[in-house]
Amino acid sequence: MDTIKLNDNNKIPVICYGSNIISYNRDNFFKNIILVIKKILLLKFNELKKDFSICKIIDEMGKNDYSAIDTSRAYGISENIIGHKIRKKREKYFIITKISNYDQYNGNIEWSLKDSLVKLKVNSVDLLLLHWPVPEKFIETWKEMEKLKGKGLCKSIGVCNCNVHHLEEIKKNCSVIPAVNQIECHPLFTQKELRDYCQKNSIQVLAYTSTARMDTRLYKTCLVDIAKKYNKTITQVILRWHIQIGNVPIFNTTNVKRYKSNIDIFDFKLTSEEIEKINNININSRLRYDPDNCDFTKL
């Protein structure tokens, strides 16, 4: 897997798998087990498939030389399952986890990372992210994350969902510039101004909701013809577009075959004209939460 050098000289793979919320419960592992049992009793087998497909995906990822996997303390027992699956092949994975809003509000920054390390069964994570810029909390949290990097508990630190004014506040008040900014970005919402700012300041963009959840509006665009030209899927074209404009796209799937398809994007290259056509799909359609207008206690 190709890699990109971050502003701290660490390297990240050019594409990333994003884990799901798994049997969501933030605090109690045993409550998660109860939730799984309830899903079985209520015949919610599709949800169970979503919960446990990650095991097969991680096994498939382990066949590559180096793969990135994104999780969070806010994703239920995702960290536990990932830790169980990677424990014998740690060197094959670039592990990303996050400081949750819950931990920001409670000030449990170092404890929360150490708890994540226990669940992930690692001594350090490759990238620790601030999940959301919680007002009156994120600067204090970022300063704590700088200390955790200094202690070697994480190799790189970055942020998620930060707009330019959040990043400017970090520059003004803190010592370390984020290595990455993980933001919603896709052809319907390209965030050019924010991406340009990140590029100017050597902050790598990680793009989540990278395929716009395959919104039906995508099928009425140039993506259809471009996909036919290269004998690729629209998803593959979008992921290739991300890489060529400098993003590290994060994608999710519960299907091993689709996982293989999503990373099969290194045998073709979009032209500059095609890149521009995809850029022009943008209609500023945000599909996820707005970091300047949301309830952080519910994220």
C-alpha atoms as a PDB file:
ATOM      1  CA  MET A   1       0.000   0.000   0.000  1.00  0.00           C
ATOM      2  CA  ASP A   2       1.351   3.432  -0.940  1.00  0.00           C
ATOM      3  CA  THR A   3       1.806   5.922   1.888  1.00  0.00           C
ATOM      4  CA  ILE A   4       1.802   9.684   2.415  1.00  0.00           C
ATOM      5  CA  LYS A   5       4.266  11.478   4.694  1.00  0.00           C
ATOM      6  CA  LEU A   6       2.580  13.591   7.376  1.00  0.00           C
ATOM      7  CA  ASN A   7       3.925  16.875   8.731  1.00  0.00           C
ATOM      8  CA  ASP A   8       5.587  15.012  11.624  1.00  0.00           C
ATOM      9  CA  ASN A   9       7.374  12.655   9.170  1.00  0.00           C
ATOM     10  CA  ASN A  10       5.200   9.659  10.052  1.00  0.00           C
ATOM     11  CA  LYS A  11       3.509   7.903   7.123  1.00  0.00           C
ATOM     12  CA  ILE A  12      -0.129   6.975   6.564  1.00  0.00           C
ATOM     13  CA  PRO A  13      -1.561   4.621   3.897  1.00  0.00           C
ATOM     14  CA  VAL A  14      -3.312   6.433   1.040  1.00  0.00           C
ATOM     15  CA  ILE A  15      -6.685   4.775   1.703  1.00  0.00           C
ATOM     16  CA  CYS A  16      -8.374   3.777   4.957  1.00  0.00           C
ATOM     17  CA  TYR A  17     -11.083   1.373   6.123  1.00  0.00           C
ATOM     18  CA  GLY A  18     -13.549   2.853   8.615  1.00  0.00           C
ATOM     19  CA  SER A  19     -15.139   0.631  11.250  1.00  0.00           C
ATOM     20  CA  ASN A  20     -18.794   0.808  12.228  1.00  0.00           C
ATOM     21  CA  ILE A  21     -20.426   1.479  15.554  1.00  0.00           C
ATOM     22  CA  ILE A  22     -20.604  -2.036  16.961  1.00  0.00           C
ATOM     23  CA  SER A  23     -23.345  -2.898  19.484  1.00  0.00           C
ATOM     24  CA  TYR A  24     -23.109   0.637  20.735  1.00  0.00           C
ATOM     25  CA  ASN A  25     -22.499   1.215  24.417  1.00  0.00           C
ATOM     26  CA  ARG A  26     -19.886   3.716  25.457  1.00  0.00           C
ATOM     27  CA  ASP A  27     -19.083   2.467  28.944  1.00  0.00           C
ATOM     28  CA  ASN A  28     -19.834  -1.197  29.570  1.00  0.00           C
ATOM     29  CA  PHE A  29     -18.545  -4.219  27.665  1.00  0.00           C
ATOM     30  CA  PHE A  30     -21.095  -6.549  29.277  1.00  0.00           C
ATOM     31  CA  LYS A  31     -23.979  -4.334  28.223  1.00  0.00           C
ATOM     32  CA  ASN A  32     -22.697  -4.753  24.688  1.00  0.00           C
ATOM     33  CA  ILE A  33     -22.940  -8.533  25.038  1.00  0.00           C
ATOM     34  CA  ILE A  34     -26.532  -8.121  26.199  1.00  0.00           C
ATOM     35  CA  LEU A  35     -27.247  -5.955  23.166  1.00  0.00           C
ATOM     36  CA  VAL A  36     -25.925  -8.700  20.871  1.00  0.00           C
ATOM     37  CA  ILE A  37     -28.167 -11.270  22.554  1.00  0.00           C
ATOM     38  CA  LYS A  38     -31.164  -8.957  22.162  1.00  0.00           C
ATOM     39  CA  LYS A  39     -30.425  -8.581  18.456  1.00  0.00           C
ATOM     40  CA  ILE A  40     -30.438 -12.350  18.100  1.00  0.00           C
ATOM     41  CA  LEU A  41     -33.727 -12.685  19.967  1.00  0.00           C
ATOM     42  CA  LEU A  42     -35.284  -9.875  17.912  1.00  0.00           C
ATOM     43  CA  LEU A  43     -33.995 -11.457  14.692  1.00  0.00           C
ATOM     44  CA  LYS A  44     -32.002  -8.339  13.780  1.00  0.00           C
ATOM     45  CA  PHE A  45     -29.562 -10.372  11.729  1.00  0.00           C
ATOM     46  CA  ASN A  46     -28.634  -7.527   9.350  1.00  0.00           C
ATOM     47  CA  GLU A  47     -27.402  -5.513  12.312  1.00  0.00           C
ATOM     48  CA  LEU A  48     -25.430  -8.510  13.549  1.00  0.00           C
ATOM     49  CA  LYS A  49     -23.860  -8.904  10.124  1.00  0.00           C
ATOM     50  CA  LYS A  50     -22.787  -5.277  10.316  1.00  0.00           C
ATOM     51  CA  ASP A  51     -21.393  -5.862  13.810  1.00  0.00           C
ATOM     52  CA  PHE A  52     -19.273  -8.889  12.985  1.00  0.00           C
ATOM     53  CA  SER A  53     -18.310  -8.407   9.347  1.00  0.00           C
ATOM     54  CA  ILE A  54     -15.404  -6.287  10.558  1.00  0.00           C
ATOM     55  CA  CYS A  55     -13.591  -9.486  11.595  1.00  0.00           C
ATOM     56  CA  LYS A  56     -13.521 -10.783   8.012  1.00  0.00           C
ATOM     57  CA  ILE A  57     -12.521  -7.367   6.688  1.00  0.00           C
ATOM     58  CA  ILE A  58      -9.578  -7.088   9.110  1.00  0.00           C
ATOM     59  CA  ASP A  59      -8.400 -10.560   8.120  1.00  0.00           C
ATOM     60  CA  GLU A  60      -8.459  -9.471   4.481  1.00  0.00           C
ATOM     61  CA  MET A  61      -6.595  -6.266   5.321  1.00  0.00           C
ATOM     62  CA  GLY A  62      -3.887  -8.350   6.981  1.00  0.00           C
ATOM     63  CA  LYS A  63      -3.003  -9.855   3.595  1.00  0.00           C
ATOM     64  CA  ASN A  64      -1.631  -6.466   2.519  1.00  0.00           C
ATOM     65  CA  ASP A  65       1.737  -5.093   3.597  1.00  0.00           C
ATOM     66  CA  TYR A  66       0.217  -2.153   5.456  1.00  0.00           C
ATOM     67  CA  SER A  67      -3.399  -1.051   5.913  1.00  0.00           C
ATOM     68  CA  ALA A  68      -5.118   1.760   7.805  1.00  0.00           C
ATOM     69  CA  ILE A  69      -8.156   1.191   9.982  1.00  0.00           C
ATOM     70  CA  ASP A  70     -10.151   3.988  11.612  1.00  0.00           C
ATOM     71  CA  THR A  71     -12.107   3.520  14.835  1.00  0.00           C
ATOM     72  CA  SER A  72     -13.169   5.524  17.885  1.00  0.00           C
ATOM     73  CA  ARG A  73     -14.049   5.177  21.536  1.00  0.00           C
ATOM     74  CA  ALA A  74     -17.508   6.342  20.459  1.00  0.00           C
ATOM     75  CA  TYR A  75     -17.969   3.235  18.260  1.00  0.00           C
ATOM     76  CA  GLY A  76     -19.037   0.826  20.994  1.00  0.00           C
ATOM     77  CA  ILE A  77     -16.861  -2.298  21.181  1.00  0.00           C
ATOM     78  CA  SER A  78     -15.186  -1.652  17.832  1.00  0.00           C
ATOM     79  CA  GLU A  79     -11.813  -1.170  19.547  1.00  0.00           C
ATOM     80  CA  ASN A  80     -12.189  -4.473  21.413  1.00  0.00           C
ATOM     81  CA  ILE A  81     -12.862  -6.449  18.254  1.00  0.00           C
ATOM     82  CA  ILE A  82     -10.084  -4.737  16.299  1.00  0.00           C
ATOM     83  CA  GLY A  83      -7.641  -5.426  19.134  1.00  0.00           C
ATOM     84  CA  HIS A  84      -8.545  -9.096  19.152  1.00  0.00           C
ATOM     85  CA  LYS A  85      -8.044  -9.409  15.400  1.00  0.00           C
ATOM     86  CA  ILE A  86      -4.778  -7.460  14.997  1.00  0.00           C
ATOM     87  CA  ARG A  87      -2.903  -8.651  18.070  1.00  0.00           C
ATOM     88  CA  LYS A  88      -0.679 -11.092  16.149  1.00  0.00           C
ATOM     89  CA  LYS A  89      -0.054  -8.802  13.152  1.00  0.00           C
ATOM     90  CA  ARG A  90       0.232  -5.353  14.710  1.00  0.00           C
ATOM     91  CA  GLU A  91       2.918  -4.233  12.255  1.00  0.00           C
ATOM     92  CA  LYS A  92       0.520  -4.647   9.312  1.00  0.00           C
ATOM     93  CA  TYR A  93      -1.956  -2.040  10.533  1.00  0.00           C
ATOM     94  CA  PHE A  94      -1.991   1.739  10.836  1.00  0.00           C
ATOM     95  CA  ILE A  95      -4.391   2.213  13.766  1.00  0.00           C
ATOM     96  CA  ILE A  96      -6.445   5.383  14.189  1.00  0.00           C
ATOM     97  CA  THR A  97      -8.663   6.050  17.192  1.00  0.00           C
ATOM     98  CA  LYS A  98     -10.255   9.121  18.709  1.00  0.00           C
ATOM     99  CA  ILE A  99     -10.898  11.035  21.913  1.00  0.00           C
ATOM    100  CA  SER A 100     -14.679  11.079  22.280  1.00  0.00           C
ATOM    101  CA  ASN A 101     -16.805  14.071  23.230  1.00  0.00           C
ATOM    102  CA  TYR A 102     -17.795  12.188  26.377  1.00  0.00           C
ATOM    103  CA  ASP A 103     -14.153  12.074  27.449  1.00  0.00           C
ATOM    104  CA  GLN A 104     -13.634  15.717  26.520  1.00  0.00           C
ATOM    105  CA  TYR A 105     -16.490  16.761  28.776  1.00  0.00           C
ATOM    106  CA  ASN A 106     -15.131  14.612  31.613  1.00  0.00           C
ATOM    107  CA  GLY A 107     -11.505  15.584  31.109  1.00  0.00           C
ATOM    108  CA  ASN A 108     -10.398  11.944  30.946  1.00  0.00           C
ATOM    109  CA  ILE A 109      -7.967  12.395  28.080  1.00  0.00           C
ATOM    110  CA  GLU A 110      -4.965  10.330  29.158  1.00  0.00           C
ATOM    111  CA  TRP A 111      -7.143   7.690  30.810  1.00  0.00           C
ATOM    112  CA  SER A 112      -9.299   7.409  27.695  1.00  0.00           C
ATOM    113  CA  LEU A 113      -6.305   6.787  25.425  1.00  0.00           C
ATOM    114  CA  LYS A 114      -4.809   4.255  27.828  1.00  0.00           C
ATOM    115  CA  ASP A 115      -8.167   2.481  27.945  1.00  0.00           C
ATOM    116  CA  SER A 116      -8.224   2.428  24.130  1.00  0.00           C
ATOM    117  CA  LEU A 117      -4.711   0.965  24.090  1.00  0.00           C
ATOM    118  CA  VAL A 118      -5.853  -1.842  26.390  1.00  0.00           C
ATOM    119  CA  LYS A 119      -8.833  -2.595  24.157  1.00  0.00           C
ATOM    120  CA  LEU A 120      -6.743  -2.423  20.991  1.00  0.00           C
ATOM    121  CA  LYS A 121      -3.994  -4.511  22.638  1.00  0.00           C
ATOM    122  CA  VAL A 122      -1.250  -2.118  21.490  1.00  0.00           C
ATOM    123  CA  ASN A 123       1.377   0.034  23.194  1.00  0.00           C
ATOM    124  CA  SER A 124       0.571   3.048  21.043  1.00  0.00           C
ATOM    125  CA  VAL A 125      -1.728   4.073  18.210  1.00  0.00           C
ATOM    126  CA  ASP A 126      -0.404   5.429  14.948  1.00  0.00           C
ATOM    127  CA  LEU A 127      -2.815   8.355  14.956  1.00  0.00           C
ATOM    128  CA  LEU A 128      -4.911   9.823  17.764  1.00  0.00           C
ATOM    129  CA  LEU A 129      -7.677  12.196  16.725  1.00  0.00           C
ATOM    130  CA  LEU A 130      -9.832  14.759  18.497  1.00  0.00           C
ATOM    131  CA  HIS A 131     -13.270  13.543  17.395  1.00  0.00           C
ATOM    132  CA  TRP A 132     -15.114  16.886  17.495  1.00  0.00           C
ATOM    133  CA  PRO A 133     -14.087  20.475  18.348  1.00  0.00           C
ATOM    134  CA  VAL A 134     -16.216  20.722  21.489  1.00  0.00           C
ATOM    135  CA  PRO A 135     -16.514  24.427  22.386  1.00  0.00           C
ATOM    136  CA  GLU A 136     -14.476  25.467  25.421  1.00  0.00           C
ATOM    137  CA  LYS A 137     -12.992  21.964  25.571  1.00  0.00           C
ATOM    138  CA  PHE A 138     -11.090  21.192  22.388  1.00  0.00           C
ATOM    139  CA  ILE A 139      -8.100  23.467  23.008  1.00  0.00           C
ATOM    140  CA  GLU A 140      -7.574  21.999  26.470  1.00  0.00           C
ATOM    141  CA  THR A 141      -8.010  18.501  25.028  1.00  0.00           C
ATOM    142  CA  TRP A 142      -5.523  19.202  22.240  1.00  0.00           C
ATOM    143  CA  LYS A 143      -2.891  20.324  24.750  1.00  0.00           C
ATOM    144  CA  GLU A 144      -3.368  17.040  26.608  1.00  0.00           C
ATOM    145  CA  MET A 145      -2.992  15.163  23.330  1.00  0.00           C
ATOM    146  CA  GLU A 146       0.316  16.944  22.723  1.00  0.00           C
ATOM    147  CA  LYS A 147       1.527  15.518  26.052  1.00  0.00           C
ATOM    148  CA  LEU A 148       0.355  12.026  25.102  1.00  0.00           C
ATOM    149  CA  LYS A 149       2.349  12.237  21.880  1.00  0.00           C
ATOM    150  CA  GLY A 150       5.360  13.307  23.938  1.00  0.00           C
ATOM    151  CA  LYS A 151       4.917  10.227  26.132  1.00  0.00           C
ATOM    152  CA  GLY A 152       4.916   7.957  23.091  1.00  0.00           C
ATOM    153  CA  LEU A 153       1.338   6.753  23.562  1.00  0.00           C
ATOM    154  CA  CYS A 154       0.482   7.916  20.043  1.00  0.00           C
ATOM    155  CA  LYS A 155       2.790   8.519  17.103  1.00  0.00           C
ATOM    156  CA  SER A 156       0.789  11.326  15.465  1.00  0.00           C
ATOM    157  CA  ILE A 157      -2.072  13.535  16.579  1.00  0.00           C
ATOM    158  CA  GLY A 158      -4.787  15.163  14.536  1.00  0.00           C
ATOM    159  CA  VAL A 159      -8.325  16.471  14.577  1.00  0.00           C
ATOM    160  CA  CYS A 160     -11.699  15.693  13.060  1.00  0.00           C
ATOM    161  CA  ASN A 161     -14.463  18.007  11.907  1.00  0.00           C
ATOM    162  CA  CYS A 162     -12.434  21.180  12.329  1.00  0.00           C
ATOM    163  CA  ASN A 163     -13.176  24.195  10.177  1.00  0.00           C
ATOM    164  CA  VAL A 164     -10.614  26.897   9.442  1.00  0.00           C
ATOM    165  CA  HIS A 165     -11.460  28.907  12.553  1.00  0.00           C
ATOM    166  CA  HIS A 166     -10.959  25.820  14.773  1.00  0.00           C
ATOM    167  CA  LEU A 167      -7.564  25.151  13.201  1.00  0.00           C
ATOM    168  CA  GLU A 168      -6.576  28.797  13.559  1.00  0.00           C
ATOM    169  CA  GLU A 169      -7.437  28.643  17.253  1.00  0.00           C
ATOM    170  CA  ILE A 170      -5.213  25.596  17.672  1.00  0.00           C
ATOM    171  CA  LYS A 171      -2.359  27.371  15.850  1.00  0.00           C
ATOM    172  CA  LYS A 172      -2.771  30.384  18.098  1.00  0.00           C
ATOM    173  CA  ASN A 173      -2.957  28.568  21.432  1.00  0.00           C
ATOM    174  CA  CYS A 174      -1.040  25.309  21.041  1.00  0.00           C
ATOM    175  CA  SER A 175       2.426  24.035  20.141  1.00  0.00           C
ATOM    176  CA  VAL A 176       1.690  21.253  17.646  1.00  0.00           C
ATOM    177  CA  ILE A 177      -0.072  21.673  14.307  1.00  0.00           C
ATOM    178  CA  PRO A 178      -2.476  18.775  13.629  1.00  0.00           C
ATOM    179  CA  ALA A 179      -1.018  16.145  11.330  1.00  0.00           C
ATOM    180  CA  VAL A 180      -4.449  15.475   9.838  1.00  0.00           C
ATOM    181  CA  ASN A 181      -7.975  16.847   9.716  1.00  0.00           C
ATOM    182  CA  GLN A 182     -10.635  14.181   9.209  1.00  0.00           C
ATOM    183  CA  ILE A 183     -13.642  15.842   7.569  1.00  0.00           C
ATOM    184  CA  GLU A 184     -16.727  15.010   5.554  1.00  0.00           C
ATOM    185  CA  CYS A 185     -15.721  15.288   1.919  1.00  0.00           C
ATOM    186  CA  HIS A 186     -17.188  13.816  -1.274  1.00  0.00           C
ATOM    187  CA  PRO A 187     -18.178  14.968  -4.775  1.00  0.00           C
ATOM    188  CA  LEU A 188     -21.401  16.528  -3.471  1.00  0.00           C
ATOM    189  CA  PHE A 189     -19.489  18.399  -0.744  1.00  0.00           C
ATOM    190  CA  THR A 190     -15.897  19.026  -1.770  1.00  0.00           C
ATOM    191  CA  GLN A 191     -14.940  21.543   0.974  1.00  0.00           C
ATOM    192  CA  LYS A 192     -12.411  23.203  -1.328  1.00  0.00           C
ATOM    193  CA  GLU A 193     -11.704  26.204   0.906  1.00  0.00           C
ATOM    194  CA  LEU A 194     -11.005  24.000   3.921  1.00  0.00           C
ATOM    195  CA  ARG A 195      -8.926  21.558   1.869  1.00  0.00           C
ATOM    196  CA  ASP A 196      -6.890  24.426   0.430  1.00  0.00           C
ATOM    197  CA  TYR A 197      -6.237  25.724   3.947  1.00  0.00           C
ATOM    198  CA  CYS A 198      -5.117  22.283   5.099  1.00  0.00           C
ATOM    199  CA  GLN A 199      -2.822  21.879   2.122  1.00  0.00           C
ATOM    200  CA  LYS A 200      -1.273  25.306   2.722  1.00  0.00           C
ATOM    201  CA  ASN A 201      -0.625  24.366   6.362  1.00  0.00           C
ATOM    202  CA  SER A 202       0.625  20.811   5.647  1.00  0.00           C
ATOM    203  CA  ILE A 203      -2.398  19.206   7.309  1.00  0.00           C
ATOM    204  CA  GLN A 204      -3.408  15.970   5.610  1.00  0.00           C
ATOM    205  CA  VAL A 205      -7.126  15.636   4.845  1.00  0.00           C
ATOM    206  CA  LEU A 206      -8.810  12.338   5.730  1.00  0.00           C
ATOM    207  CA  ALA A 207     -12.177  12.186   3.997  1.00  0.00           C
ATOM    208  CA  TYR A 208     -15.084  10.420   5.687  1.00  0.00           C
ATOM    209  CA  THR A 209     -18.458   9.771   4.060  1.00  0.00           C
ATOM    210  CA  SER A 210     -16.083   9.714   1.114  1.00  0.00           C
ATOM    211  CA  THR A 211     -18.578   8.246  -1.377  1.00  0.00           C
ATOM    212  CA  ALA A 212     -21.535  10.344  -0.161  1.00  0.00           C
ATOM    213  CA  ARG A 213     -23.184   7.102   0.940  1.00  0.00           C
ATOM    214  CA  MET A 214     -23.709   6.499  -2.773  1.00  0.00           C
ATOM    215  CA  ASP A 215     -26.385   9.179  -2.851  1.00  0.00           C
ATOM    216  CA  THR A 216     -28.724   8.712  -5.827  1.00  0.00           C
ATOM    217  CA  ARG A 217     -27.736  12.150  -7.140  1.00  0.00           C
ATOM    218  CA  LEU A 218     -24.299  10.758  -8.012  1.00  0.00           C
ATOM    219  CA  TYR A 219     -25.857   8.578 -10.703  1.00  0.00           C
ATOM    220  CA  LYS A 220     -26.970  11.662 -12.623  1.00  0.00           C
ATOM    221  CA  THR A 221     -23.442  13.021 -13.025  1.00  0.00           C
ATOM    222  CA  CYS A 222     -20.315  12.541 -15.112  1.00  0.00           C
ATOM    223  CA  LEU A 223     -19.298   9.741 -12.753  1.00  0.00           C
ATOM    224  CA  VAL A 224     -21.417   7.286 -14.737  1.00  0.00           C
ATOM    225  CA  ASP A 225     -19.556   7.852 -18.015  1.00  0.00           C
ATOM    226  CA  ILE A 226     -16.156   8.010 -16.328  1.00  0.00           C
ATOM    227  CA  ALA A 227     -16.798   4.678 -14.618  1.00  0.00           C
ATOM    228  CA  LYS A 228     -17.783   3.096 -17.947  1.00  0.00           C
ATOM    229  CA  LYS A 229     -14.654   4.448 -19.624  1.00  0.00           C
ATOM    230  CA  TYR A 230     -12.327   2.753 -17.136  1.00  0.00           C
ATOM    231  CA  ASN A 231     -14.542  -0.307 -16.541  1.00  0.00           C
ATOM    232  CA  LYS A 232     -14.722   0.635 -12.873  1.00  0.00           C
ATOM    233  CA  THR A 233     -17.536   1.233 -10.396  1.00  0.00           C
ATOM    234  CA  ILE A 234     -18.629   4.741  -9.438  1.00  0.00           C
ATOM    235  CA  THR A 235     -17.288   4.022  -5.952  1.00  0.00           C
ATOM    236  CA  GLN A 236     -13.865   3.199  -7.362  1.00  0.00           C
ATOM    237  CA  VAL A 237     -13.847   6.380  -9.442  1.00  0.00           C
ATOM    238  CA  ILE A 238     -14.736   8.504  -6.405  1.00  0.00           C
ATOM    239  CA  LEU A 239     -12.042   6.901  -4.262  1.00  0.00           C
ATOM    240  CA  ARG A 240      -9.520   7.430  -7.060  1.00  0.00           C
ATOM    241  CA  TRP A 241     -10.621  11.080  -7.302  1.00  0.00           C
ATOM    242  CA  HIS A 242      -9.952  11.529  -3.583  1.00  0.00           C
ATOM    243  CA  ILE A 243      -6.437  10.174  -3.880  1.00  0.00           C
ATOM    244  CA  GLN A 244      -5.609  12.327  -6.900  1.00  0.00           C
ATOM    245  CA  ILE A 245      -6.803  15.540  -5.217  1.00  0.00           C
ATOM    246  CA  GLY A 246      -4.677  14.704  -2.150  1.00  0.00           C
ATOM    247  CA  ASN A 247      -7.219  13.216   0.260  1.00  0.00           C
ATOM    248  CA  VAL A 248      -6.909   9.954   2.161  1.00  0.00           C
ATOM    249  CA  PRO A 249     -10.426   8.523   1.705  1.00  0.00           C
ATOM    250  CA  ILE A 250     -12.072   6.465   4.436  1.00  0.00           C
ATOM    251  CA  PHE A 251     -14.641   3.935   3.274  1.00  0.00           C
ATOM    252  CA  ASN A 252     -16.818   1.378   5.009  1.00  0.00           C
ATOM    253  CA  THR A 253     -18.281  -1.900   3.820  1.00  0.00           C
ATOM    254  CA  THR A 254     -19.530  -5.112   5.411  1.00  0.00           C
ATOM    255  CA  ASN A 255     -18.603  -7.193   2.372  1.00  0.00           C
ATOM    256  CA  VAL A 256     -15.122  -8.628   1.773  1.00  0.00           C
ATOM    257  CA  LYS A 257     -15.629  -8.694  -1.988  1.00  0.00           C
ATOM    258  CA  ARG A 258     -16.563  -5.018  -1.956  1.00  0.00           C
ATOM    259  CA  TYR A 259     -13.582  -4.227   0.259  1.00  0.00           C
ATOM    260  CA  LYS A 260     -11.293  -5.779  -2.350  1.00  0.00           C
ATOM    261  CA  SER A 261     -13.042  -3.783  -5.059  1.00  0.00           C
ATOM    262  CA  ASN A 262     -12.700  -0.514  -3.156  1.00  0.00           C
ATOM    263  CA  ILE A 263      -8.923  -0.801  -2.885  1.00  0.00           C
ATOM    264  CA  ASP A 264      -8.561  -1.940  -6.506  1.00  0.00           C
ATOM    265  CA  ILE A 265      -8.028   1.621  -7.714  1.00  0.00           C
ATOM    266  CA  PHE A 266      -4.334   1.759  -8.503  1.00  0.00           C
ATOM    267  CA  ASP A 267      -4.472   0.443 -12.065  1.00  0.00           C
ATOM    268  CA  PHE A 268      -5.994   3.569 -13.616  1.00  0.00           C
ATOM    269  CA  LYS A 269      -5.616   7.328 -13.376  1.00  0.00           C
ATOM    270  CA  LEU A 270      -8.150  10.085 -13.976  1.00  0.00           C
ATOM    271  CA  THR A 271      -7.250  12.885 -16.348  1.00  0.00           C
ATOM    272  CA  SER A 272      -7.071  16.486 -15.163  1.00  0.00           C
ATOM    273  CA  GLU A 273     -10.256  17.188 -17.139  1.00  0.00           C
ATOM    274  CA  GLU A 274     -12.063  14.342 -15.380  1.00  0.00           C
ATOM    275  CA  ILE A 275     -10.852  15.572 -11.996  1.00  0.00           C
ATOM    276  CA  GLU A 276     -12.283  19.000 -12.787  1.00  0.00           C
ATOM    277  CA  LYS A 277     -15.607  17.529 -13.905  1.00  0.00           C
ATOM    278  CA  ILE A 278     -15.915  15.641 -10.622  1.00  0.00           C
ATOM    279  CA  ASN A 279     -14.939  18.772  -8.684  1.00  0.00           C
ATOM    280  CA  ASN A 280     -17.801  20.582 -10.420  1.00  0.00           C
ATOM    281  CA  ILE A 281     -20.366  18.086  -9.119  1.00  0.00           C
ATOM    282  CA  ASN A 282     -20.151  19.933  -5.807  1.00  0.00           C
ATOM    283  CA  ILE A 283     -23.426  21.418  -4.537  1.00  0.00           C
ATOM    284  CA  ASN A 284     -22.267  21.945  -0.924  1.00  0.00           C
ATOM    285  CA  SER A 285     -24.569  19.158   0.254  1.00  0.00           C
ATOM    286  CA  ARG A 286     -23.437  18.150   3.744  1.00  0.00           C
ATOM    287  CA  LEU A 287     -24.737  14.688   4.673  1.00  0.00           C
ATOM    288  CA  ARG A 288     -23.410  14.501   8.224  1.00  0.00           C
ATOM    289  CA  TYR A 289     -23.249  16.844  11.198  1.00  0.00           C
ATOM    290  CA  ASP A 290     -22.133  20.457  10.935  1.00  0.00           C
ATOM    291  CA  PRO A 291     -19.377  21.108  13.517  1.00  0.00           C
ATOM    292  CA  ASP A 292     -20.552  24.710  13.824  1.00  0.00           C
ATOM    293  CA  ASN A 293     -24.166  23.747  14.459  1.00  0.00           C
ATOM    294  CA  CYS A 294     -24.694  20.497  16.322  1.00  0.00           C
ATOM    295  CA  ASP A 295     -25.298  19.071  19.799  1.00  0.00           C
ATOM    296  CA  PHE A 296     -21.901  17.708  20.865  1.00  0.00           C
ATOM    297  CA  THR A 297     -23.438  15.857  23.819  1.00  0.00           C
ATOM    298  CA  LYS A 298     -25.183  13.510  21.387  1.00  0.00           C
ATOM    299  CA  LEU A 299     -22.167  12.733  19.174  1.00  0.00           C
END
